[in-house]
Amino acid sequence: LSNNGHLSNDAAAKIVGLLSQDRESRVTKVVLGHISENNNTEQ
């Protein structure tokens, strides 16, 4: 959970949301990765 740890789903969603609304962004595909087997699910 620390600032030197790992991104949560919510944090990833925030990044994707900012990118999708940035007119200068070229990002069209986001692949979600490093998904925890114990503290998350792909779905």
PDB file of all heavy atoms in Angstrom:
ATOM      1  N   LEU A   1       0.804  -1.223   0.000  1.00  0.00           N
ATOM      2  CA  LEU A   1       0.000   0.000   0.000  1.00  0.00           C
ATOM      3  C   LEU A   1       0.841   1.280   0.000  1.00  0.00           C
ATOM      4  O   LEU A   1       0.305   2.367  -0.229  1.00  0.00           O
ATOM      5  CB  LEU A   1      -0.919   0.020   1.222  1.00  0.00           C
ATOM      6  CG  LEU A   1      -2.058  -1.004   1.233  1.00  0.00           C
ATOM      7  CD1 LEU A   1      -2.682  -1.090   2.620  1.00  0.00           C
ATOM      8  CD2 LEU A   1      -3.121  -0.636   0.193  1.00  0.00           C
ATOM      9  N   SER A   2       2.131   1.165   0.233  1.00  0.00           N
ATOM     10  CA  SER A   2       2.977   2.346   0.371  1.00  0.00           C
ATOM     11  C   SER A   2       3.203   3.028  -0.978  1.00  0.00           C
ATOM     12  O   SER A   2       2.889   2.486  -2.042  1.00  0.00           O
ATOM     13  CB  SER A   2       4.330   1.957   0.972  1.00  0.00           C
ATOM     14  OG  SER A   2       5.134   1.318  -0.003  1.00  0.00           O
ATOM     15  N   ASN A   3       3.797   4.205  -0.906  1.00  0.00           N
ATOM     16  CA  ASN A   3       4.113   4.951  -2.122  1.00  0.00           C
ATOM     17  C   ASN A   3       5.198   4.277  -2.956  1.00  0.00           C
ATOM     18  O   ASN A   3       5.458   4.692  -4.091  1.00  0.00           O
ATOM     19  CB  ASN A   3       4.542   6.378  -1.773  1.00  0.00           C
ATOM     20  CG  ASN A   3       3.377   7.227  -1.312  1.00  0.00           C
ATOM     21  OD1 ASN A   3       2.212   6.849  -1.471  1.00  0.00           O
ATOM     22  ND2 ASN A   3       3.666   8.367  -0.733  1.00  0.00           N
ATOM     23  N   ASN A   4       5.842   3.259  -2.396  1.00  0.00           N
ATOM     24  CA  ASN A   4       6.848   2.501  -3.135  1.00  0.00           C
ATOM     25  C   ASN A   4       6.413   1.049  -3.339  1.00  0.00           C
ATOM     26  O   ASN A   4       7.241   0.166  -3.516  1.00  0.00           O
ATOM     27  CB  ASN A   4       8.193   2.535  -2.395  1.00  0.00           C
ATOM     28  CG  ASN A   4       8.819   3.902  -2.431  1.00  0.00           C
ATOM     29  OD1 ASN A   4       8.866   4.541  -3.478  1.00  0.00           O
ATOM     30  ND2 ASN A   4       9.283   4.376  -1.283  1.00  0.00           N
ATOM     31  N   GLY A   5       5.094   0.828  -3.314  1.00  0.00           N
ATOM     32  CA  GLY A   5       4.559  -0.520  -3.425  1.00  0.00           C
ATOM     33  C   GLY A   5       4.009  -0.820  -4.806  1.00  0.00           C
ATOM     34  O   GLY A   5       4.741  -0.801  -5.797  1.00  0.00           O
ATOM     35  N   HIS A   6       2.690  -1.059  -4.862  1.00  0.00           N
ATOM     36  CA  HIS A   6       2.059  -1.468  -6.121  1.00  0.00           C
ATOM     37  C   HIS A   6       0.776  -0.684  -6.342  1.00  0.00           C
ATOM     38  O   HIS A   6       0.108  -0.263  -5.386  1.00  0.00           O
ATOM     39  CB  HIS A   6       1.747  -2.961  -6.098  1.00  0.00           C
ATOM     40  CG  HIS A   6       2.964  -3.834  -6.145  1.00  0.00           C
ATOM     41  ND1 HIS A   6       3.558  -4.196  -7.322  1.00  0.00           N
ATOM     42  CD2 HIS A   6       3.692  -4.408  -5.158  1.00  0.00           C
ATOM     43  CE1 HIS A   6       4.608  -4.967  -7.066  1.00  0.00           C
ATOM     44  NE2 HIS A   6       4.710  -5.113  -5.751  1.00  0.00           N
ATOM     45  N   LEU A   7       0.391  -0.534  -7.600  1.00  0.00           N
ATOM     46  CA  LEU A   7      -0.829   0.190  -7.944  1.00  0.00           C
ATOM     47  C   LEU A   7      -2.065  -0.666  -7.685  1.00  0.00           C
ATOM     48  O   LEU A   7      -2.121  -1.825  -8.081  1.00  0.00           O
ATOM     49  CB  LEU A   7      -0.826   0.579  -9.419  1.00  0.00           C
ATOM     50  CG  LEU A   7       0.030   1.762  -9.877  1.00  0.00           C
ATOM     51  CD1 LEU A   7      -0.181   1.989 -11.369  1.00  0.00           C
ATOM     52  CD2 LEU A   7      -0.301   3.021  -9.102  1.00  0.00           C
ATOM     53  N   SER A   8      -3.044  -0.061  -7.045  1.00  0.00           N
ATOM     54  CA  SER A   8      -4.340  -0.721  -6.859  1.00  0.00           C
ATOM     55  C   SER A   8      -5.158  -0.608  -8.139  1.00  0.00           C
ATOM     56  O   SER A   8      -4.836   0.154  -9.067  1.00  0.00           O
ATOM     57  CB  SER A   8      -5.098  -0.060  -5.713  1.00  0.00           C
ATOM     58  OG  SER A   8      -5.480   1.263  -6.078  1.00  0.00           O
ATOM     59  N   ASN A   9      -6.266  -1.352  -8.184  1.00  0.00           N
ATOM     60  CA  ASN A   9      -7.192  -1.217  -9.310  1.00  0.00           C
ATOM     61  C   ASN A   9      -7.694   0.220  -9.431  1.00  0.00           C
ATOM     62  O   ASN A   9      -7.824   0.754 -10.536  1.00  0.00           O
ATOM     63  CB  ASN A   9      -8.390  -2.151  -9.123  1.00  0.00           C
ATOM     64  CG  ASN A   9      -8.012  -3.614  -9.167  1.00  0.00           C
ATOM     65  OD1 ASN A   9      -6.965  -3.986  -9.686  1.00  0.00           O
ATOM     66  ND2 ASN A   9      -8.875  -4.448  -8.607  1.00  0.00           N
ATOM     67  N   ASP A  10      -7.994   0.833  -8.295  1.00  0.00           N
ATOM     68  CA  ASP A  10      -8.502   2.206  -8.311  1.00  0.00           C
ATOM     69  C   ASP A  10      -7.465   3.171  -8.866  1.00  0.00           C
ATOM     70  O   ASP A  10      -7.795   4.099  -9.618  1.00  0.00           O
ATOM     71  CB  ASP A  10      -8.912   2.636  -6.902  1.00  0.00           C
ATOM     72  CG  ASP A  10     -10.125   1.880  -6.388  1.00  0.00           C
ATOM     73  OD1 ASP A  10     -10.912   1.388  -7.214  1.00  0.00           O
ATOM     74  OD2 ASP A  10     -10.275   1.783  -5.160  1.00  0.00           O
ATOM     75  N   ALA A  11      -6.196   2.966  -8.491  1.00  0.00           N
ATOM     76  CA  ALA A  11      -5.135   3.842  -8.993  1.00  0.00           C
ATOM     77  C   ALA A  11      -4.935   3.645 -10.492  1.00  0.00           C
ATOM     78  O   ALA A  11      -4.734   4.614 -11.245  1.00  0.00           O
ATOM     79  CB  ALA A  11      -3.834   3.574  -8.239  1.00  0.00           C
ATOM     80  N   ALA A  12      -4.994   2.393 -10.932  1.00  0.00           N
ATOM     81  CA  ALA A  12      -4.888   2.129 -12.367  1.00  0.00           C
ATOM     82  C   ALA A  12      -6.043   2.776 -13.119  1.00  0.00           C
ATOM     83  O   ALA A  12      -5.854   3.359 -14.199  1.00  0.00           O
ATOM     84  CB  ALA A  12      -4.869   0.621 -12.621  1.00  0.00           C
ATOM     85  N   ALA A  13      -7.244   2.690 -12.550  1.00  0.00           N
ATOM     86  CA  ALA A  13      -8.412   3.309 -13.180  1.00  0.00           C
ATOM     87  C   ALA A  13      -8.232   4.818 -13.292  1.00  0.00           C
ATOM     88  O   ALA A  13      -8.601   5.424 -14.309  1.00  0.00           O
ATOM     89  CB  ALA A  13      -9.668   2.978 -12.377  1.00  0.00           C
ATOM     90  N   LYS A  14      -7.639   5.417 -12.270  1.00  0.00           N
ATOM     91  CA  LYS A  14      -7.401   6.864 -12.309  1.00  0.00           C
ATOM     92  C   LYS A  14      -6.463   7.224 -13.454  1.00  0.00           C
ATOM     93  O   LYS A  14      -6.710   8.181 -14.197  1.00  0.00           O
ATOM     94  CB  LYS A  14      -6.811   7.318 -10.977  1.00  0.00           C
ATOM     95  CG  LYS A  14      -6.493   8.807 -10.927  1.00  0.00           C
ATOM     96  CD  LYS A  14      -5.916   9.200  -9.576  1.00  0.00           C
ATOM     97  CE  LYS A  14      -5.576  10.685  -9.536  1.00  0.00           C
ATOM     98  NZ  LYS A  14      -4.985  11.072  -8.220  1.00  0.00           N
ATOM     99  N   ILE A  15      -5.386   6.451 -13.605  1.00  0.00           N
ATOM    100  CA  ILE A  15      -4.436   6.717 -14.685  1.00  0.00           C
ATOM    101  C   ILE A  15      -5.111   6.565 -16.045  1.00  0.00           C
ATOM    102  O   ILE A  15      -4.969   7.417 -16.930  1.00  0.00           O
ATOM    103  CB  ILE A  15      -3.230   5.764 -14.581  1.00  0.00           C
ATOM    104  CG1 ILE A  15      -2.378   6.117 -13.367  1.00  0.00           C
ATOM    105  CG2 ILE A  15      -2.386   5.823 -15.853  1.00  0.00           C
ATOM    106  CD1 ILE A  15      -1.231   5.164 -13.128  1.00  0.00           C
ATOM    107  N   VAL A  16      -5.859   5.484 -16.217  1.00  0.00           N
ATOM    108  CA  VAL A  16      -6.519   5.242 -17.497  1.00  0.00           C
ATOM    109  C   VAL A  16      -7.541   6.335 -17.789  1.00  0.00           C
ATOM    110  O   VAL A  16      -7.671   6.802 -18.932  1.00  0.00           O
ATOM    111  CB  VAL A  16      -7.167   3.847 -17.510  1.00  0.00           C
ATOM    112  CG1 VAL A  16      -8.008   3.654 -18.774  1.00  0.00           C
ATOM    113  CG2 VAL A  16      -6.096   2.770 -17.420  1.00  0.00           C
ATOM    114  N   GLY A  17      -8.255   6.773 -16.768  1.00  0.00           N
ATOM    115  CA  GLY A  17      -9.213   7.844 -16.955  1.00  0.00           C
ATOM    116  C   GLY A  17      -8.554   9.142 -17.389  1.00  0.00           C
ATOM    117  O   GLY A  17      -9.038   9.835 -18.292  1.00  0.00           O
ATOM    118  N   LEU A  18      -7.438   9.470 -16.751  1.00  0.00           N
ATOM    119  CA  LEU A  18      -6.714  10.694 -17.127  1.00  0.00           C
ATOM    120  C   LEU A  18      -6.185  10.610 -18.558  1.00  0.00           C
ATOM    121  O   LEU A  18      -6.271  11.575 -19.322  1.00  0.00           O
ATOM    122  CB  LEU A  18      -5.560  10.927 -16.150  1.00  0.00           C
ATOM    123  CG  LEU A  18      -5.951  11.343 -14.729  1.00  0.00           C
ATOM    124  CD1 LEU A  18      -4.739  11.318 -13.805  1.00  0.00           C
ATOM    125  CD2 LEU A  18      -6.579  12.738 -14.733  1.00  0.00           C
ATOM    126  N   LEU A  19      -5.648   9.461 -18.913  1.00  0.00           N
ATOM    127  CA  LEU A  19      -5.127   9.298 -20.270  1.00  0.00           C
ATOM    128  C   LEU A  19      -6.233   9.396 -21.309  1.00  0.00           C
ATOM    129  O   LEU A  19      -6.059  10.023 -22.363  1.00  0.00           O
ATOM    130  CB  LEU A  19      -4.427   7.941 -20.400  1.00  0.00           C
ATOM    131  CG  LEU A  19      -3.099   7.772 -19.675  1.00  0.00           C
ATOM    132  CD1 LEU A  19      -2.667   6.314 -19.710  1.00  0.00           C
ATOM    133  CD2 LEU A  19      -2.014   8.657 -20.279  1.00  0.00           C
ATOM    134  N   SER A  20      -7.380   8.789 -21.012  1.00  0.00           N
ATOM    135  CA  SER A  20      -8.459   8.754 -22.001  1.00  0.00           C
ATOM    136  C   SER A  20      -9.061  10.130 -22.241  1.00  0.00           C
ATOM    137  O   SER A  20      -9.660  10.376 -23.294  1.00  0.00           O
ATOM    138  CB  SER A  20      -9.547   7.775 -21.558  1.00  0.00           C
ATOM    139  OG  SER A  20     -10.206   8.250 -20.401  1.00  0.00           O
ATOM    140  N   GLN A  21      -8.899  11.027 -21.283  1.00  0.00           N
ATOM    141  CA  GLN A  21      -9.457  12.375 -21.420  1.00  0.00           C
ATOM    142  C   GLN A  21      -8.408  13.412 -21.813  1.00  0.00           C
ATOM    143  O   GLN A  21      -8.731  14.590 -21.981  1.00  0.00           O
ATOM    144  CB  GLN A  21     -10.133  12.785 -20.108  1.00  0.00           C
ATOM    145  CG  GLN A  21     -11.345  11.941 -19.748  1.00  0.00           C
ATOM    146  CD  GLN A  21     -12.424  11.990 -20.804  1.00  0.00           C
ATOM    147  OE1 GLN A  21     -13.119  12.993 -20.961  1.00  0.00           O
ATOM    148  NE2 GLN A  21     -12.568  10.902 -21.564  1.00  0.00           N
ATOM    149  N   ASP A  22      -7.172  12.992 -21.951  1.00  0.00           N
ATOM    150  CA  ASP A  22      -6.092  13.889 -22.361  1.00  0.00           C
ATOM    151  C   ASP A  22      -6.053  13.938 -23.884  1.00  0.00           C
ATOM    152  O   ASP A  22      -5.774  12.937 -24.547  1.00  0.00           O
ATOM    153  CB  ASP A  22      -4.756  13.374 -21.810  1.00  0.00           C
ATOM    154  CG  ASP A  22      -3.594  14.306 -22.110  1.00  0.00           C
ATOM    155  OD1 ASP A  22      -3.735  15.194 -22.984  1.00  0.00           O
ATOM    156  OD2 ASP A  22      -2.537  14.145 -21.478  1.00  0.00           O
ATOM    157  N   ARG A  23      -6.331  15.089 -24.452  1.00  0.00           N
ATOM    158  CA  ARG A  23      -6.401  15.207 -25.907  1.00  0.00           C
ATOM    159  C   ARG A  23      -5.057  14.952 -26.570  1.00  0.00           C
ATOM    160  O   ARG A  23      -4.996  14.638 -27.766  1.00  0.00           O
ATOM    161  CB  ARG A  23      -6.915  16.594 -26.287  1.00  0.00           C
ATOM    162  CG  ARG A  23      -8.372  16.841 -25.873  1.00  0.00           C
ATOM    163  CD  ARG A  23      -8.852  18.195 -26.324  1.00  0.00           C
ATOM    164  NE  ARG A  23     -10.248  18.421 -25.969  1.00  0.00           N
ATOM    165  CZ  ARG A  23     -10.920  19.535 -26.243  1.00  0.00           C
ATOM    166  NH1 ARG A  23     -10.301  20.530 -26.894  1.00  0.00           N
ATOM    167  NH2 ARG A  23     -12.181  19.664 -25.885  1.00  0.00           N
ATOM    168  N   GLU A  24      -3.978  15.099 -25.816  1.00  0.00           N
ATOM    169  CA  GLU A  24      -2.651  14.863 -26.380  1.00  0.00           C
ATOM    170  C   GLU A  24      -2.214  13.404 -26.262  1.00  0.00           C
ATOM    171  O   GLU A  24      -1.208  13.003 -26.851  1.00  0.00           O
ATOM    172  CB  GLU A  24      -1.623  15.753 -25.680  1.00  0.00           C
ATOM    173  CG  GLU A  24      -1.854  17.244 -25.900  1.00  0.00           C
ATOM    174  CD  GLU A  24      -0.804  18.082 -25.213  1.00  0.00           C
ATOM    175  OE1 GLU A  24       0.048  17.503 -24.500  1.00  0.00           O
ATOM    176  OE2 GLU A  24      -0.819  19.317 -25.398  1.00  0.00           O
ATOM    177  N   SER A  25      -2.964  12.619 -25.506  1.00  0.00           N
ATOM    178  CA  SER A  25      -2.595  11.218 -25.313  1.00  0.00           C
ATOM    179  C   SER A  25      -2.853  10.409 -26.579  1.00  0.00           C
ATOM    180  O   SER A  25      -3.864  10.569 -27.256  1.00  0.00           O
ATOM    181  CB  SER A  25      -3.389  10.612 -24.155  1.00  0.00           C
ATOM    182  OG  SER A  25      -3.151   9.216 -24.067  1.00  0.00           O
ATOM    183  N   ARG A  26      -1.905   9.494 -26.870  1.00  0.00           N
ATOM    184  CA  ARG A  26      -2.037   8.598 -28.020  1.00  0.00           C
ATOM    185  C   ARG A  26      -2.456   7.191 -27.599  1.00  0.00           C
ATOM    186  O   ARG A  26      -2.563   6.303 -28.435  1.00  0.00           O
ATOM    187  CB  ARG A  26      -0.705   8.522 -28.778  1.00  0.00           C
ATOM    188  CG  ARG A  26      -0.281   9.810 -29.453  1.00  0.00           C
ATOM    189  CD  ARG A  26       1.092   9.636 -30.097  1.00  0.00           C
ATOM    190  NE  ARG A  26       1.111   8.474 -30.984  1.00  0.00           N
ATOM    191  CZ  ARG A  26       2.228   7.850 -31.360  1.00  0.00           C
ATOM    192  NH1 ARG A  26       3.401   8.255 -30.903  1.00  0.00           N
ATOM    193  NH2 ARG A  26       2.175   6.793 -32.182  1.00  0.00           N
ATOM    194  N   VAL A  27      -2.679   6.996 -26.307  1.00  0.00           N
ATOM    195  CA  VAL A  27      -2.971   5.652 -25.803  1.00  0.00           C
ATOM    196  C   VAL A  27      -4.347   5.193 -26.284  1.00  0.00           C
ATOM    197  O   VAL A  27      -5.361   5.832 -26.011  1.00  0.00           O
ATOM    198  CB  VAL A  27      -2.910   5.611 -24.263  1.00  0.00           C
ATOM    199  CG1 VAL A  27      -3.294   4.220 -23.761  1.00  0.00           C
ATOM    200  CG2 VAL A  27      -1.526   5.994 -23.769  1.00  0.00           C
ATOM    201  N   THR A  28      -4.365   4.071 -26.992  1.00  0.00           N
ATOM    202  CA  THR A  28      -5.625   3.486 -27.448  1.00  0.00           C
ATOM    203  C   THR A  28      -5.847   2.085 -26.873  1.00  0.00           C
ATOM    204  O   THR A  28      -6.968   1.590 -26.892  1.00  0.00           O
ATOM    205  CB  THR A  28      -5.678   3.394 -28.980  1.00  0.00           C
ATOM    206  OG1 THR A  28      -4.565   2.619 -29.452  1.00  0.00           O
ATOM    207  CG2 THR A  28      -5.623   4.782 -29.610  1.00  0.00           C
ATOM    208  N   LYS A  29      -4.775   1.465 -26.359  1.00  0.00           N
ATOM    209  CA  LYS A  29      -4.890   0.126 -25.774  1.00  0.00           C
ATOM    210  C   LYS A  29      -4.151   0.099 -24.444  1.00  0.00           C
ATOM    211  O   LYS A  29      -2.999   0.514 -24.357  1.00  0.00           O
ATOM    212  CB  LYS A  29      -4.307  -0.938 -26.711  1.00  0.00           C
ATOM    213  CG  LYS A  29      -5.092  -1.156 -27.997  1.00  0.00           C
ATOM    214  CD  LYS A  29      -4.437  -2.215 -28.855  1.00  0.00           C
ATOM    215  CE  LYS A  29      -5.297  -2.552 -30.073  1.00  0.00           C
ATOM    216  NZ  LYS A  29      -5.492  -1.385 -30.948  1.00  0.00           N
ATOM    217  N   VAL A  30      -4.837  -0.402 -23.416  1.00  0.00           N
ATOM    218  CA  VAL A  30      -4.238  -0.590 -22.096  1.00  0.00           C
ATOM    219  C   VAL A  30      -4.352  -2.066 -21.734  1.00  0.00           C
ATOM    220  O   VAL A  30      -5.446  -2.638 -21.780  1.00  0.00           O
ATOM    221  CB  VAL A  30      -4.924   0.271 -21.023  1.00  0.00           C
ATOM    222  CG1 VAL A  30      -4.350  -0.037 -19.640  1.00  0.00           C
ATOM    223  CG2 VAL A  30      -4.767   1.757 -21.338  1.00  0.00           C
ATOM    224  N   VAL A  31      -3.215  -2.667 -21.401  1.00  0.00           N
ATOM    225  CA  VAL A  31      -3.179  -4.055 -20.970  1.00  0.00           C
ATOM    226  C   VAL A  31      -2.906  -4.067 -19.471  1.00  0.00           C
ATOM    227  O   VAL A  31      -1.848  -3.619 -19.027  1.00  0.00           O
ATOM    228  CB  VAL A  31      -2.084  -4.852 -21.714  1.00  0.00           C
ATOM    229  CG1 VAL A  31      -2.141  -6.321 -21.310  1.00  0.00           C
ATOM    230  CG2 VAL A  31      -2.229  -4.694 -23.223  1.00  0.00           C
ATOM    231  N   LEU A  32      -3.849  -4.525 -18.673  1.00  0.00           N
ATOM    232  CA  LEU A  32      -3.690  -4.543 -17.224  1.00  0.00           C
ATOM    233  C   LEU A  32      -2.864  -5.755 -16.816  1.00  0.00           C
ATOM    234  O   LEU A  32      -3.160  -6.884 -17.223  1.00  0.00           O
ATOM    235  CB  LEU A  32      -5.052  -4.594 -16.537  1.00  0.00           C
ATOM    236  CG  LEU A  32      -5.991  -3.428 -16.834  1.00  0.00           C
ATOM    237  CD1 LEU A  32      -7.333  -3.635 -16.124  1.00  0.00           C
ATOM    238  CD2 LEU A  32      -5.371  -2.092 -16.424  1.00  0.00           C
ATOM    239  N   GLY A  33      -1.828  -5.525 -16.000  1.00  0.00           N
ATOM    240  CA  GLY A  33      -0.936  -6.604 -15.633  1.00  0.00           C
ATOM    241  C   GLY A  33      -0.526  -6.588 -14.180  1.00  0.00           C
ATOM    242  O   GLY A  33      -0.978  -5.754 -13.397  1.00  0.00           O
ATOM    243  N   HIS A  34       0.357  -7.516 -13.832  1.00  0.00           N
ATOM    244  CA  HIS A  34       0.854  -7.707 -12.459  1.00  0.00           C
ATOM    245  C   HIS A  34      -0.312  -7.823 -11.477  1.00  0.00           C
ATOM    246  O   HIS A  34      -0.292  -7.258 -10.369  1.00  0.00           O
ATOM    247  CB  HIS A  34       1.790  -6.581 -12.054  1.00  0.00           C
ATOM    248  CG  HIS A  34       2.943  -7.045 -11.202  1.00  0.00           C
ATOM    249  ND1 HIS A  34       2.769  -7.735 -10.018  1.00  0.00           N
ATOM    250  CD2 HIS A  34       4.276  -6.919 -11.353  1.00  0.00           C
ATOM    251  CE1 HIS A  34       3.941  -8.008  -9.488  1.00  0.00           C
ATOM    252  NE2 HIS A  34       4.885  -7.532 -10.287  1.00  0.00           N
ATOM    253  N   ILE A  35      -1.329  -8.575 -11.881  1.00  0.00           N
ATOM    254  CA  ILE A  35      -2.549  -8.740 -11.088  1.00  0.00           C
ATOM    255  C   ILE A  35      -2.313  -9.804 -10.014  1.00  0.00           C
ATOM    256  O   ILE A  35      -1.939 -10.934 -10.311  1.00  0.00           O
ATOM    257  CB  ILE A  35      -3.723  -9.137 -12.003  1.00  0.00           C
ATOM    258  CG1 ILE A  35      -4.012  -8.005 -13.000  1.00  0.00           C
ATOM    259  CG2 ILE A  35      -4.967  -9.464 -11.192  1.00  0.00           C
ATOM    260  CD1 ILE A  35      -4.968  -8.388 -14.109  1.00  0.00           C
ATOM    261  N   SER A  36      -2.521  -9.444  -8.763  1.00  0.00           N
ATOM    262  CA  SER A  36      -2.262 -10.347  -7.639  1.00  0.00           C
ATOM    263  C   SER A  36      -3.219 -11.537  -7.662  1.00  0.00           C
ATOM    264  O   SER A  36      -4.427 -11.379  -7.870  1.00  0.00           O
ATOM    265  CB  SER A  36      -2.407  -9.594  -6.317  1.00  0.00           C
ATOM    266  OG  SER A  36      -2.357 -10.481  -5.218  1.00  0.00           O
ATOM    267  N   GLU A  37      -2.662 -12.715  -7.408  1.00  0.00           N
ATOM    268  CA  GLU A  37      -3.501 -13.906  -7.298  1.00  0.00           C
ATOM    269  C   GLU A  37      -4.238 -13.967  -5.975  1.00  0.00           C
ATOM    270  O   GLU A  37      -5.282 -14.619  -5.864  1.00  0.00           O
ATOM    271  CB  GLU A  37      -2.633 -15.161  -7.437  1.00  0.00           C
ATOM    272  CG  GLU A  37      -2.048 -15.373  -8.809  1.00  0.00           C
ATOM    273  CD  GLU A  37      -1.245 -16.655  -8.874  1.00  0.00           C
ATOM    274  OE1 GLU A  37      -0.038 -16.628  -8.568  1.00  0.00           O
ATOM    275  OE2 GLU A  37      -1.834 -17.692  -9.218  1.00  0.00           O
ATOM    276  N   ASN A  38      -3.708 -13.297  -4.948  1.00  0.00           N
ATOM    277  CA  ASN A  38      -4.277 -13.368  -3.607  1.00  0.00           C
ATOM    278  C   ASN A  38      -5.152 -12.178  -3.254  1.00  0.00           C
ATOM    279  O   ASN A  38      -6.053 -12.302  -2.416  1.00  0.00           O
ATOM    280  CB  ASN A  38      -3.153 -13.482  -2.572  1.00  0.00           C
ATOM    281  CG  ASN A  38      -2.342 -14.741  -2.747  1.00  0.00           C
ATOM    282  OD1 ASN A  38      -2.890 -15.838  -2.740  1.00  0.00           O
ATOM    283  ND2 ASN A  38      -1.035 -14.592  -2.912  1.00  0.00           N
ATOM    284  N   ASN A  39      -4.894 -11.040  -3.856  1.00  0.00           N
ATOM    285  CA  ASN A  39      -5.577  -9.801  -3.466  1.00  0.00           C
ATOM    286  C   ASN A  39      -6.317  -9.142  -4.620  1.00  0.00           C
ATOM    287  O   ASN A  39      -6.607  -7.941  -4.579  1.00  0.00           O
ATOM    288  CB  ASN A  39      -4.552  -8.812  -2.894  1.00  0.00           C
ATOM    289  CG  ASN A  39      -3.791  -9.396  -1.729  1.00  0.00           C
ATOM    290  OD1 ASN A  39      -4.389  -9.818  -0.743  1.00  0.00           O
ATOM    291  ND2 ASN A  39      -2.470  -9.448  -1.846  1.00  0.00           N
ATOM    292  N   ASN A  40      -6.628  -9.934  -5.634  1.00  0.00           N
ATOM    293  CA  ASN A  40      -7.293  -9.385  -6.800  1.00  0.00           C
ATOM    294  C   ASN A  40      -7.792 -10.536  -7.667  1.00  0.00           C
ATOM    295  O   ASN A  40      -7.463 -11.698  -7.425  1.00  0.00           O
ATOM    296  CB  ASN A  40      -6.300  -8.533  -7.611  1.00  0.00           C
ATOM    297  CG  ASN A  40      -6.982  -7.424  -8.401  1.00  0.00           C
ATOM    298  OD1 ASN A  40      -8.203  -7.310  -8.413  1.00  0.00           O
ATOM    299  ND2 ASN A  40      -6.181  -6.600  -9.062  1.00  0.00           N
ATOM    300  N   THR A  41      -8.580 -10.214  -8.660  1.00  0.00           N
ATOM    301  CA  THR A  41      -8.916 -11.156  -9.725  1.00  0.00           C
ATOM    302  C   THR A  41      -8.828 -10.398 -11.038  1.00  0.00           C
ATOM    303  O   THR A  41      -8.950  -9.166 -11.071  1.00  0.00           O
ATOM    304  CB  THR A  41     -10.338 -11.739  -9.574  1.00  0.00           C
ATOM    305  OG1 THR A  41     -11.300 -10.686  -9.781  1.00  0.00           O
ATOM    306  CG2 THR A  41     -10.539 -12.375  -8.204  1.00  0.00           C
ATOM    307  N   GLU A  42      -8.614 -11.128 -12.110  1.00  0.00           N
ATOM    308  CA  GLU A  42      -8.574 -10.472 -13.417  1.00  0.00           C
ATOM    309  C   GLU A  42      -9.887  -9.755 -13.703  1.00  0.00           C
ATOM    310  O   GLU A  42      -9.900  -8.635 -14.223  1.00  0.00           O
ATOM    311  CB  GLU A  42      -8.274 -11.497 -14.517  1.00  0.00           C
ATOM    312  CG  GLU A  42      -6.846 -12.014 -14.489  1.00  0.00           C
ATOM    313  CD  GLU A  42      -6.524 -12.890 -15.688  1.00  0.00           C
ATOM    314  OE1 GLU A  42      -7.452 -13.158 -16.502  1.00  0.00           O
ATOM    315  OE2 GLU A  42      -5.357 -13.294 -15.826  1.00  0.00           O
ATOM    316  N   GLN A  43     -11.002 -10.399 -13.361  1.00  0.00           N
ATOM    317  CA  GLN A  43     -12.302  -9.806 -13.633  1.00  0.00           C
ATOM    318  C   GLN A  43     -12.503  -8.522 -12.843  1.00  0.00           C
ATOM    319  O   GLN A  43     -13.018  -7.527 -13.366  1.00  0.00           O
ATOM    320  CB  GLN A  43     -13.422 -10.797 -13.308  1.00  0.00           C
ATOM    321  CG  GLN A  43     -14.791 -10.348 -13.818  1.00  0.00           C
ATOM    322  CD  GLN A  43     -14.853 -10.294 -15.336  1.00  0.00           C
ATOM    323  OE1 GLN A  43     -14.577 -11.278 -16.000  1.00  0.00           O
ATOM    324  NE2 GLN A  43     -15.225  -9.143 -15.882  1.00  0.00           N
TER     325      GLN A  43
END
